[in-house]
Amino acid sequence: EIKVDKQGHEIISVVSRQDQFENQTLENFSQVTQNINSITTTIQTTGGGNLIHNSVGYNIDSDRNLVNWTKTGTISSESSPESVSYGAISGNQINLFASSSITQRITVDGSGNQLYTFSLRAKKGATGTATIHLRNNLDDYTITIPEGEAVLWNSYSLVGIEPHSTYFDVVIQTNSAVTELSVTDLMMT
């Protein structure tokens, strides 16, 4: 797919493929974005061990909404050389602004035979509260970045998560005081 935005002076070329392997969808994705000032190339291979699809916002639809995520409020995604300089891997980030959220349902083994690990990197100013949930009808594992705490691509993780249901909703949300929350390298294994 090639999109030409003459007024925005931008050309975006996207090549993607989804394959089914056992019960998982494997996504391969590349994007070239050219504007008046630069050319950016992005390559993503997902599926393998990460249960979260489109985990850093590479894949967007024609309305610039994140694919695989349900959103409220204002959300965007962009390349992120800054996050890489602080240790991130992907080089892309998802941005949530005031009173916004993204949600993705993932399937997990609820038998008690499998423990999971969730991790991400985040950037937030001192104002407002950001909350990350892994929740279902029985569990709610939470990471909170509170009011007054500024973070610059800090790593967060939940280890040894035992689900008591067959799904988790990954929910990332901001309150009305947050100027911007950026996340990258979302992983659930």
N, C-alpha and C. Protein backbone atom coordinates (compact mmCIF):
# COMPACT_ATOMS: atom_id res chain seq x y z
N GLU A 1 0.84 -1.17 0.00
CA GLU A 1 0.00 0.00 0.00
C GLU A 1 0.90 1.25 0.00
N ILE A 2 0.58 2.20 -0.85
CA ILE A 2 1.31 3.46 -0.89
C ILE A 2 0.31 4.59 -0.72
N LYS A 3 0.57 5.45 0.25
CA LYS A 3 -0.28 6.61 0.48
C LYS A 3 0.51 7.87 0.20
N VAL A 4 -0.06 8.75 -0.60
CA VAL A 4 0.58 10.02 -0.93
C VAL A 4 -0.28 11.14 -0.35
N ASP A 5 0.30 11.92 0.53
CA ASP A 5 -0.38 13.07 1.12
C ASP A 5 0.30 14.32 0.57
N LYS A 6 -0.24 14.86 -0.51
CA LYS A 6 0.39 16.01 -1.17
C LYS A 6 0.37 17.24 -0.29
N GLN A 7 -0.70 17.45 0.46
CA GLN A 7 -0.75 18.63 1.31
C GLN A 7 0.17 18.49 2.51
N GLY A 8 0.31 17.27 3.03
CA GLY A 8 1.21 17.04 4.16
C GLY A 8 2.64 16.77 3.73
N HIS A 9 2.87 16.74 2.41
CA HIS A 9 4.21 16.52 1.85
C HIS A 9 4.83 15.23 2.39
N GLU A 10 4.04 14.13 2.27
CA GLU A 10 4.51 12.88 2.83
C GLU A 10 4.06 11.71 1.95
N ILE A 11 4.95 10.72 1.81
CA ILE A 11 4.64 9.47 1.12
C ILE A 11 4.91 8.33 2.11
N ILE A 12 3.93 7.45 2.27
CA ILE A 12 4.09 6.31 3.16
C ILE A 12 3.86 5.05 2.36
N SER A 13 4.84 4.15 2.38
CA SER A 13 4.73 2.87 1.71
C SER A 13 4.75 1.77 2.78
N VAL A 14 3.74 0.89 2.75
CA VAL A 14 3.63 -0.16 3.75
C VAL A 14 3.53 -1.51 3.05
N VAL A 15 4.32 -2.48 3.54
CA VAL A 15 4.23 -3.85 3.09
C VAL A 15 4.06 -4.71 4.33
N SER A 16 3.00 -5.52 4.36
CA SER A 16 2.77 -6.35 5.53
C SER A 16 2.27 -7.72 5.11
N ARG A 17 2.49 -8.69 6.00
CA ARG A 17 2.02 -10.05 5.75
C ARG A 17 1.70 -10.68 7.10
N GLN A 18 0.59 -11.39 7.14
CA GLN A 18 0.21 -12.14 8.33
C GLN A 18 0.17 -13.62 7.97
N ASP A 19 0.80 -14.42 8.82
CA ASP A 19 0.79 -15.87 8.65
C ASP A 19 0.25 -16.49 9.93
N GLN A 20 -0.44 -17.62 9.79
CA GLN A 20 -0.91 -18.37 10.94
C GLN A 20 0.08 -19.49 11.22
N PHE A 21 0.52 -19.59 12.47
CA PHE A 21 1.39 -20.67 12.90
C PHE A 21 0.81 -21.22 14.19
N GLU A 22 0.35 -22.46 14.15
CA GLU A 22 -0.39 -23.06 15.25
C GLU A 22 -1.54 -22.13 15.59
N ASN A 23 -1.62 -21.60 16.81
CA ASN A 23 -2.72 -20.71 17.19
C ASN A 23 -2.28 -19.26 17.26
N GLN A 24 -1.18 -18.90 16.62
CA GLN A 24 -0.67 -17.54 16.69
C GLN A 24 -0.66 -16.90 15.32
N THR A 25 -0.87 -15.60 15.31
CA THR A 25 -0.74 -14.82 14.08
C THR A 25 0.63 -14.18 14.09
N LEU A 26 1.41 -14.45 13.07
CA LEU A 26 2.73 -13.85 12.94
C LEU A 26 2.62 -12.69 11.96
N GLU A 27 3.09 -11.51 12.37
CA GLU A 27 2.98 -10.33 11.54
C GLU A 27 4.37 -9.85 11.15
N ASN A 28 4.58 -9.67 9.86
CA ASN A 28 5.79 -9.06 9.35
C ASN A 28 5.38 -7.76 8.68
N PHE A 29 6.14 -6.71 8.92
CA PHE A 29 5.68 -5.39 8.53
C PHE A 29 6.89 -4.51 8.24
N SER A 30 6.84 -3.79 7.12
CA SER A 30 7.86 -2.79 6.86
C SER A 30 7.18 -1.53 6.35
N GLN A 31 7.76 -0.41 6.67
CA GLN A 31 7.18 0.88 6.29
C GLN A 31 8.30 1.85 5.93
N VAL A 32 8.10 2.58 4.85
CA VAL A 32 9.01 3.65 4.47
C VAL A 32 8.19 4.93 4.44
N THR A 33 8.62 5.91 5.21
CA THR A 33 7.95 7.21 5.26
C THR A 33 8.93 8.26 4.74
N GLN A 34 8.49 8.98 3.74
CA GLN A 34 9.33 10.04 3.18
C GLN A 34 8.55 11.35 3.27
N ASN A 35 9.21 12.36 3.85
CA ASN A 35 8.63 13.69 3.83
C ASN A 35 9.70 14.65 3.33
N ILE A 36 9.42 15.90 3.38
CA ILE A 36 10.32 16.91 2.80
C ILE A 36 11.68 16.94 3.50
N ASN A 37 11.72 16.47 4.76
CA ASN A 37 12.96 16.56 5.54
C ASN A 37 13.71 15.24 5.72
N SER A 38 13.01 14.10 5.57
CA SER A 38 13.69 12.85 5.91
C SER A 38 13.00 11.65 5.26
N ILE A 39 13.70 10.51 5.35
CA ILE A 39 13.16 9.21 4.98
C ILE A 39 13.39 8.29 6.17
N THR A 40 12.31 7.62 6.62
CA THR A 40 12.40 6.74 7.77
C THR A 40 11.96 5.35 7.34
N THR A 41 12.77 4.34 7.67
CA THR A 41 12.44 2.96 7.37
C THR A 41 12.19 2.23 8.68
N THR A 42 11.11 1.46 8.73
CA THR A 42 10.75 0.71 9.92
C THR A 42 10.48 -0.73 9.52
N ILE A 43 11.02 -1.68 10.28
CA ILE A 43 10.78 -3.09 10.02
C ILE A 43 10.38 -3.74 11.33
N GLN A 44 9.32 -4.55 11.29
CA GLN A 44 8.85 -5.22 12.49
C GLN A 44 8.49 -6.66 12.15
N THR A 45 8.93 -7.57 13.00
CA THR A 45 8.50 -8.96 12.94
C THR A 45 7.92 -9.28 14.30
N THR A 46 6.67 -9.72 14.33
CA THR A 46 6.03 -10.03 15.60
C THR A 46 5.43 -11.41 15.55
N GLY A 47 4.88 -11.79 16.63
CA GLY A 47 4.22 -13.08 16.73
C GLY A 47 4.99 -13.95 17.67
N GLY A 48 6.05 -14.53 17.21
CA GLY A 48 6.92 -15.39 17.99
C GLY A 48 6.52 -15.54 19.44
N GLY A 49 7.26 -14.91 20.34
CA GLY A 49 6.99 -15.05 21.76
C GLY A 49 6.15 -13.95 22.34
N ASN A 50 5.98 -12.83 21.65
CA ASN A 50 5.22 -11.71 22.21
C ASN A 50 3.73 -11.90 21.91
N LEU A 51 2.92 -11.94 22.95
CA LEU A 51 1.48 -12.12 22.78
C LEU A 51 0.78 -10.82 22.40
N ILE A 52 1.46 -9.69 22.55
CA ILE A 52 0.86 -8.39 22.23
C ILE A 52 1.13 -8.08 20.76
N HIS A 53 0.08 -7.84 20.01
CA HIS A 53 0.21 -7.50 18.59
C HIS A 53 0.35 -6.00 18.42
N ASN A 54 1.15 -5.59 17.43
CA ASN A 54 1.38 -4.17 17.16
C ASN A 54 1.84 -3.47 18.44
N SER A 55 2.82 -4.04 19.07
CA SER A 55 3.22 -3.66 20.43
C SER A 55 3.91 -2.30 20.52
N VAL A 56 4.30 -1.71 19.41
CA VAL A 56 4.90 -0.37 19.47
C VAL A 56 4.27 0.58 18.45
N GLY A 57 3.17 0.17 17.87
CA GLY A 57 2.41 1.08 17.01
C GLY A 57 2.90 1.24 15.60
N TYR A 58 3.65 0.27 15.08
CA TYR A 58 4.07 0.36 13.68
C TYR A 58 2.89 0.30 12.72
N ASN A 59 1.94 -0.55 13.05
CA ASN A 59 0.85 -0.83 12.13
C ASN A 59 -0.33 0.11 12.41
N ILE A 60 -0.63 1.00 11.47
CA ILE A 60 -1.75 1.92 11.59
C ILE A 60 -2.65 1.78 10.37
N ASP A 61 -3.93 2.10 10.53
CA ASP A 61 -4.85 2.01 9.40
C ASP A 61 -4.87 3.33 8.63
N SER A 62 -5.74 3.42 7.64
CA SER A 62 -5.77 4.61 6.78
C SER A 62 -6.21 5.86 7.52
N ASP A 63 -6.85 5.70 8.68
CA ASP A 63 -7.24 6.85 9.50
C ASP A 63 -6.19 7.15 10.58
N ARG A 64 -5.04 6.48 10.49
CA ARG A 64 -3.92 6.65 11.41
C ARG A 64 -4.22 6.13 12.82
N ASN A 65 -5.16 5.17 12.92
CA ASN A 65 -5.46 4.51 14.19
C ASN A 65 -4.60 3.26 14.31
N LEU A 66 -4.22 2.93 15.53
CA LEU A 66 -3.42 1.74 15.77
C LEU A 66 -4.23 0.49 15.47
N VAL A 67 -3.67 -0.41 14.68
CA VAL A 67 -4.30 -1.69 14.39
C VAL A 67 -4.10 -2.59 15.61
N ASN A 68 -5.10 -3.41 15.93
CA ASN A 68 -5.10 -4.36 17.05
C ASN A 68 -5.39 -3.71 18.40
N TRP A 69 -5.59 -2.42 18.46
CA TRP A 69 -5.87 -1.72 19.71
C TRP A 69 -7.21 -1.00 19.61
N THR A 70 -7.94 -0.97 20.72
CA THR A 70 -9.14 -0.14 20.86
C THR A 70 -8.71 1.09 21.62
N LYS A 71 -9.12 2.28 21.16
CA LYS A 71 -8.64 3.50 21.79
C LYS A 71 -9.78 4.39 22.25
N THR A 72 -9.47 5.21 23.25
CA THR A 72 -10.30 6.35 23.61
C THR A 72 -9.36 7.54 23.70
N GLY A 73 -9.86 8.72 23.39
CA GLY A 73 -9.02 9.91 23.47
C GLY A 73 -8.08 10.04 22.30
N THR A 74 -6.96 10.70 22.54
CA THR A 74 -6.00 11.02 21.48
C THR A 74 -4.77 10.12 21.61
N ILE A 75 -4.51 9.37 20.53
CA ILE A 75 -3.40 8.41 20.48
C ILE A 75 -2.63 8.65 19.18
N SER A 76 -1.31 8.48 19.23
CA SER A 76 -0.51 8.53 18.01
C SER A 76 0.66 7.56 18.16
N SER A 77 1.38 7.36 17.06
CA SER A 77 2.61 6.57 17.13
C SER A 77 3.63 7.22 16.21
N GLU A 78 4.90 7.01 16.53
CA GLU A 78 5.97 7.64 15.76
C GLU A 78 7.29 6.94 16.03
N SER A 79 8.27 7.23 15.18
CA SER A 79 9.61 6.68 15.42
C SER A 79 10.18 7.36 16.66
N SER A 80 11.12 6.66 17.31
CA SER A 80 11.61 7.14 18.60
C SER A 80 13.10 6.87 18.80
N PRO A 81 13.95 7.66 18.13
CA PRO A 81 15.38 7.50 18.37
C PRO A 81 15.76 7.77 19.83
N GLU A 82 15.02 8.67 20.49
CA GLU A 82 15.31 8.98 21.89
C GLU A 82 15.18 7.74 22.77
N SER A 83 14.10 6.96 22.58
CA SER A 83 13.90 5.77 23.41
C SER A 83 15.04 4.78 23.22
N VAL A 84 15.52 4.65 21.98
CA VAL A 84 16.64 3.74 21.70
C VAL A 84 17.89 4.21 22.44
N SER A 85 18.11 5.51 22.50
CA SER A 85 19.29 6.03 23.21
C SER A 85 19.21 5.75 24.71
N TYR A 86 18.00 5.44 25.22
CA TYR A 86 17.83 5.08 26.63
C TYR A 86 17.66 3.57 26.83
N GLY A 87 17.94 2.78 25.79
CA GLY A 87 17.95 1.33 25.94
C GLY A 87 16.80 0.58 25.32
N ALA A 88 15.83 1.27 24.73
CA ALA A 88 14.72 0.57 24.07
C ALA A 88 15.22 -0.13 22.82
N ILE A 89 14.45 -1.09 22.35
CA ILE A 89 14.86 -1.90 21.21
C ILE A 89 14.16 -1.48 19.92
N SER A 90 12.88 -1.20 19.98
CA SER A 90 12.08 -1.10 18.76
C SER A 90 12.31 0.16 17.93
N GLY A 91 12.56 1.28 18.56
CA GLY A 91 12.72 2.53 17.81
C GLY A 91 11.41 3.16 17.40
N ASN A 92 10.31 2.72 17.99
CA ASN A 92 9.00 3.32 17.74
C ASN A 92 8.28 3.45 19.07
N GLN A 93 7.33 4.39 19.16
CA GLN A 93 6.62 4.59 20.40
C GLN A 93 5.14 4.86 20.14
N ILE A 94 4.32 4.55 21.15
CA ILE A 94 2.90 4.88 21.14
C ILE A 94 2.71 6.01 22.14
N ASN A 95 2.00 7.07 21.72
CA ASN A 95 1.77 8.24 22.58
C ASN A 95 0.31 8.31 22.98
N LEU A 96 0.07 8.51 24.27
CA LEU A 96 -1.27 8.72 24.80
C LEU A 96 -1.29 10.10 25.44
N PHE A 97 -2.31 10.87 25.13
CA PHE A 97 -2.42 12.21 25.67
C PHE A 97 -3.47 12.21 26.79
N ALA A 98 -3.85 13.36 27.33
CA ALA A 98 -4.75 13.46 28.48
C ALA A 98 -6.04 12.67 28.26
N SER A 99 -6.47 11.97 29.30
CA SER A 99 -7.74 11.23 29.31
C SER A 99 -7.86 10.27 28.13
N SER A 100 -6.80 9.51 27.88
CA SER A 100 -6.78 8.58 26.74
C SER A 100 -6.47 7.17 27.22
N SER A 101 -6.80 6.19 26.37
CA SER A 101 -6.46 4.81 26.71
C SER A 101 -6.37 3.97 25.44
N ILE A 102 -5.62 2.88 25.53
CA ILE A 102 -5.60 1.84 24.51
C ILE A 102 -5.80 0.50 25.21
N THR A 103 -6.49 -0.40 24.52
CA THR A 103 -6.80 -1.71 25.09
C THR A 103 -6.63 -2.78 24.03
N GLN A 104 -6.04 -3.90 24.42
CA GLN A 104 -5.93 -5.06 23.54
C GLN A 104 -6.17 -6.32 24.36
N ARG A 105 -7.04 -7.19 23.88
CA ARG A 105 -7.31 -8.47 24.55
C ARG A 105 -6.37 -9.52 23.99
N ILE A 106 -5.70 -10.23 24.89
CA ILE A 106 -4.80 -11.31 24.50
C ILE A 106 -5.25 -12.60 25.16
N THR A 107 -5.08 -13.70 24.47
CA THR A 107 -5.45 -15.01 24.99
C THR A 107 -4.29 -15.60 25.76
N VAL A 108 -4.58 -16.15 26.94
CA VAL A 108 -3.57 -16.76 27.79
C VAL A 108 -4.08 -18.11 28.29
N ASP A 109 -3.18 -18.89 28.86
CA ASP A 109 -3.53 -20.18 29.45
C ASP A 109 -3.99 -19.93 30.89
N GLY A 110 -5.26 -20.12 31.16
CA GLY A 110 -5.82 -19.88 32.49
C GLY A 110 -5.83 -21.09 33.39
N SER A 111 -5.14 -22.17 33.00
CA SER A 111 -5.16 -23.41 33.78
C SER A 111 -4.27 -23.36 35.02
N GLY A 112 -3.42 -22.35 35.13
CA GLY A 112 -2.47 -22.29 36.24
C GLY A 112 -1.16 -22.96 35.93
N ASN A 113 -1.03 -23.52 34.72
CA ASN A 113 0.20 -24.21 34.33
C ASN A 113 1.22 -23.29 33.68
N GLN A 114 0.87 -22.04 33.43
CA GLN A 114 1.75 -21.12 32.71
C GLN A 114 1.82 -19.79 33.45
N LEU A 115 3.04 -19.33 33.71
CA LEU A 115 3.25 -18.00 34.28
C LEU A 115 3.73 -17.08 33.17
N TYR A 116 3.36 -15.82 33.26
CA TYR A 116 3.67 -14.85 32.21
C TYR A 116 4.48 -13.69 32.78
N THR A 117 5.16 -13.00 31.86
CA THR A 117 5.90 -11.77 32.19
C THR A 117 5.43 -10.68 31.25
N PHE A 118 5.18 -9.51 31.81
CA PHE A 118 4.79 -8.33 31.05
C PHE A 118 5.83 -7.25 31.28
N SER A 119 6.24 -6.56 30.20
CA SER A 119 7.22 -5.48 30.37
C SER A 119 6.98 -4.38 29.34
N LEU A 120 7.50 -3.21 29.66
CA LEU A 120 7.44 -2.06 28.75
C LEU A 120 8.42 -1.02 29.24
N ARG A 121 8.64 -0.01 28.39
CA ARG A 121 9.38 1.21 28.76
C ARG A 121 8.42 2.37 28.61
N ALA A 122 8.57 3.37 29.51
CA ALA A 122 7.64 4.49 29.49
C ALA A 122 8.36 5.81 29.71
N LYS A 123 7.74 6.85 29.15
CA LYS A 123 8.21 8.23 29.33
C LYS A 123 6.98 9.07 29.69
N LYS A 124 7.09 9.83 30.81
CA LYS A 124 5.98 10.67 31.25
C LYS A 124 6.54 11.85 32.02
N GLY A 125 5.92 13.01 31.86
CA GLY A 125 6.27 14.18 32.66
C GLY A 125 5.74 14.04 34.07
N ALA A 126 6.00 15.04 34.91
CA ALA A 126 5.62 14.97 36.32
C ALA A 126 4.12 15.12 36.57
N THR A 127 3.40 15.71 35.64
CA THR A 127 1.97 15.92 35.88
C THR A 127 1.15 14.71 35.48
N GLY A 128 0.13 14.43 36.26
CA GLY A 128 -0.82 13.37 35.94
C GLY A 128 -0.37 11.98 36.33
N THR A 129 -1.31 11.05 36.22
CA THR A 129 -1.09 9.65 36.56
C THR A 129 -1.35 8.78 35.34
N ALA A 130 -0.44 7.84 35.12
CA ALA A 130 -0.61 6.84 34.05
C ALA A 130 -0.72 5.47 34.71
N THR A 131 -1.61 4.64 34.17
CA THR A 131 -1.84 3.32 34.74
C THR A 131 -1.83 2.28 33.63
N ILE A 132 -1.13 1.19 33.90
CA ILE A 132 -1.08 0.07 32.97
C ILE A 132 -1.67 -1.13 33.69
N HIS A 133 -2.70 -1.74 33.12
CA HIS A 133 -3.36 -2.90 33.72
C HIS A 133 -3.21 -4.12 32.83
N LEU A 134 -3.07 -5.26 33.46
CA LEU A 134 -3.33 -6.57 32.84
C LEU A 134 -4.50 -7.09 33.64
N ARG A 135 -5.69 -7.13 33.03
CA ARG A 135 -6.85 -7.50 33.82
C ARG A 135 -7.81 -8.38 33.04
N ASN A 136 -8.55 -9.14 33.81
CA ASN A 136 -9.64 -9.96 33.28
C ASN A 136 -10.74 -9.95 34.33
N ASN A 137 -11.69 -10.88 34.23
CA ASN A 137 -12.80 -10.87 35.17
C ASN A 137 -12.41 -11.27 36.58
N LEU A 138 -11.18 -11.80 36.79
CA LEU A 138 -10.73 -12.23 38.12
C LEU A 138 -9.46 -11.54 38.59
N ASP A 139 -8.61 -11.10 37.69
CA ASP A 139 -7.30 -10.55 38.04
C ASP A 139 -7.18 -9.10 37.61
N ASP A 140 -6.36 -8.33 38.33
CA ASP A 140 -5.99 -6.99 37.89
C ASP A 140 -4.58 -6.69 38.39
N TYR A 141 -3.61 -6.94 37.52
CA TYR A 141 -2.21 -6.61 37.81
C TYR A 141 -1.98 -5.20 37.28
N THR A 142 -1.36 -4.34 38.11
CA THR A 142 -1.30 -2.92 37.78
C THR A 142 0.10 -2.34 37.97
N ILE A 143 0.49 -1.49 37.03
CA ILE A 143 1.68 -0.63 37.16
C ILE A 143 1.15 0.80 37.14
N THR A 144 1.52 1.60 38.14
CA THR A 144 1.08 2.99 38.20
C THR A 144 2.29 3.90 38.17
N ILE A 145 2.24 4.90 37.31
CA ILE A 145 3.26 5.96 37.31
C ILE A 145 2.52 7.18 37.86
N PRO A 146 2.79 7.53 39.12
CA PRO A 146 1.93 8.49 39.82
C PRO A 146 2.19 9.96 39.48
N GLU A 147 1.24 10.77 39.88
CA GLU A 147 1.36 12.22 39.84
C GLU A 147 2.67 12.60 40.54
N GLY A 148 3.40 13.55 39.97
CA GLY A 148 4.64 14.01 40.57
C GLY A 148 5.87 13.21 40.19
N GLU A 149 5.69 12.11 39.47
CA GLU A 149 6.83 11.28 39.06
C GLU A 149 7.04 11.40 37.56
N ALA A 150 8.18 11.98 37.20
CA ALA A 150 8.58 12.06 35.79
C ALA A 150 9.49 10.88 35.49
N VAL A 151 9.27 10.21 34.36
CA VAL A 151 10.12 9.08 33.98
C VAL A 151 10.59 9.27 32.55
N LEU A 152 11.82 8.85 32.30
CA LEU A 152 12.42 8.99 30.97
C LEU A 152 12.84 7.61 30.49
N TRP A 153 11.93 6.92 29.83
CA TRP A 153 12.12 5.59 29.27
C TRP A 153 12.53 4.57 30.33
N ASN A 154 11.90 4.67 31.50
CA ASN A 154 12.12 3.68 32.55
C ASN A 154 11.51 2.35 32.16
N SER A 155 12.12 1.26 32.62
CA SER A 155 11.60 -0.08 32.39
C SER A 155 10.67 -0.48 33.52
N TYR A 156 9.57 -1.13 33.17
CA TYR A 156 8.61 -1.63 34.14
C TYR A 156 8.30 -3.07 33.77
N SER A 157 8.06 -3.91 34.77
CA SER A 157 7.70 -5.30 34.47
C SER A 157 6.86 -5.89 35.58
N LEU A 158 6.08 -6.87 35.20
CA LEU A 158 5.33 -7.72 36.11
C LEU A 158 5.78 -9.14 35.79
N VAL A 159 6.30 -9.84 36.79
CA VAL A 159 6.90 -11.16 36.58
C VAL A 159 6.11 -12.21 37.35
N GLY A 160 5.98 -13.39 36.78
CA GLY A 160 5.30 -14.49 37.46
C GLY A 160 3.79 -14.31 37.54
N ILE A 161 3.22 -13.72 36.51
CA ILE A 161 1.78 -13.48 36.48
C ILE A 161 1.05 -14.80 36.22
N GLU A 162 0.13 -15.13 37.11
CA GLU A 162 -0.67 -16.34 36.94
C GLU A 162 -2.11 -15.95 36.66
N PRO A 163 -2.56 -16.11 35.43
CA PRO A 163 -3.94 -15.74 35.11
C PRO A 163 -4.93 -16.78 35.64
N HIS A 164 -6.08 -16.29 36.08
CA HIS A 164 -7.14 -17.17 36.54
C HIS A 164 -8.31 -17.17 35.56
N SER A 165 -8.04 -16.73 34.34
CA SER A 165 -9.00 -16.71 33.25
C SER A 165 -8.22 -16.94 31.96
N THR A 166 -8.90 -17.04 30.83
CA THR A 166 -8.24 -17.36 29.57
C THR A 166 -7.86 -16.14 28.75
N TYR A 167 -7.95 -14.95 29.34
CA TYR A 167 -7.57 -13.74 28.61
C TYR A 167 -7.05 -12.69 29.59
N PHE A 168 -6.32 -11.76 29.05
CA PHE A 168 -5.97 -10.51 29.74
C PHE A 168 -6.30 -9.37 28.79
N ASP A 169 -6.85 -8.31 29.33
CA ASP A 169 -6.93 -7.05 28.60
C ASP A 169 -5.72 -6.23 29.02
N VAL A 170 -4.90 -5.87 28.04
CA VAL A 170 -3.80 -4.95 28.29
C VAL A 170 -4.40 -3.56 28.14
N VAL A 171 -4.42 -2.77 29.22
CA VAL A 171 -5.04 -1.45 29.22
C VAL A 171 -4.00 -0.43 29.67
N ILE A 172 -3.74 0.55 28.83
CA ILE A 172 -2.83 1.64 29.18
C ILE A 172 -3.66 2.91 29.16
N GLN A 173 -3.66 3.66 30.27
CA GLN A 173 -4.54 4.82 30.35
C GLN A 173 -3.88 5.98 31.08
N THR A 174 -4.36 7.18 30.75
CA THR A 174 -3.87 8.40 31.36
C THR A 174 -5.04 9.17 31.96
N ASN A 175 -4.77 9.93 33.02
CA ASN A 175 -5.84 10.78 33.54
C ASN A 175 -5.78 12.15 32.86
N SER A 176 -6.67 13.04 33.24
CA SER A 176 -6.81 14.32 32.53
C SER A 176 -5.62 15.26 32.73
N ALA A 177 -4.78 15.00 33.71
CA ALA A 177 -3.64 15.89 33.96
C ALA A 177 -2.38 15.51 33.18
N VAL A 178 -2.36 14.33 32.58
CA VAL A 178 -1.18 13.88 31.83
C VAL A 178 -1.06 14.68 30.54
N THR A 179 0.11 15.26 30.31
CA THR A 179 0.37 15.95 29.06
C THR A 179 0.62 14.94 27.95
N GLU A 180 1.48 13.97 28.23
CA GLU A 180 1.77 12.91 27.27
C GLU A 180 2.44 11.75 27.99
N LEU A 181 1.99 10.54 27.66
CA LEU A 181 2.63 9.30 28.08
C LEU A 181 3.07 8.60 26.81
N SER A 182 4.33 8.20 26.74
CA SER A 182 4.83 7.43 25.61
C SER A 182 5.29 6.08 26.11
N VAL A 183 4.97 5.03 25.36
CA VAL A 183 5.37 3.67 25.73
C VAL A 183 6.00 2.99 24.52
N THR A 184 6.90 2.06 24.81
CA THR A 184 7.55 1.29 23.76
C THR A 184 7.93 -0.08 24.32
N ASP A 185 8.33 -0.97 23.44
CA ASP A 185 8.81 -2.31 23.79
C ASP A 185 7.83 -3.07 24.70
N LEU A 186 6.54 -2.98 24.40
CA LEU A 186 5.53 -3.74 25.14
C LEU A 186 5.73 -5.21 24.84
N MET A 187 5.84 -6.04 25.88
CA MET A 187 6.05 -7.48 25.71
C MET A 187 5.21 -8.25 26.71
N MET A 188 4.61 -9.33 26.26
CA MET A 188 3.93 -10.28 27.13
C MET A 188 4.36 -11.65 26.67
N THR A 189 5.10 -12.35 27.52
CA THR A 189 5.61 -13.67 27.18
C THR A 189 5.26 -14.67 28.26
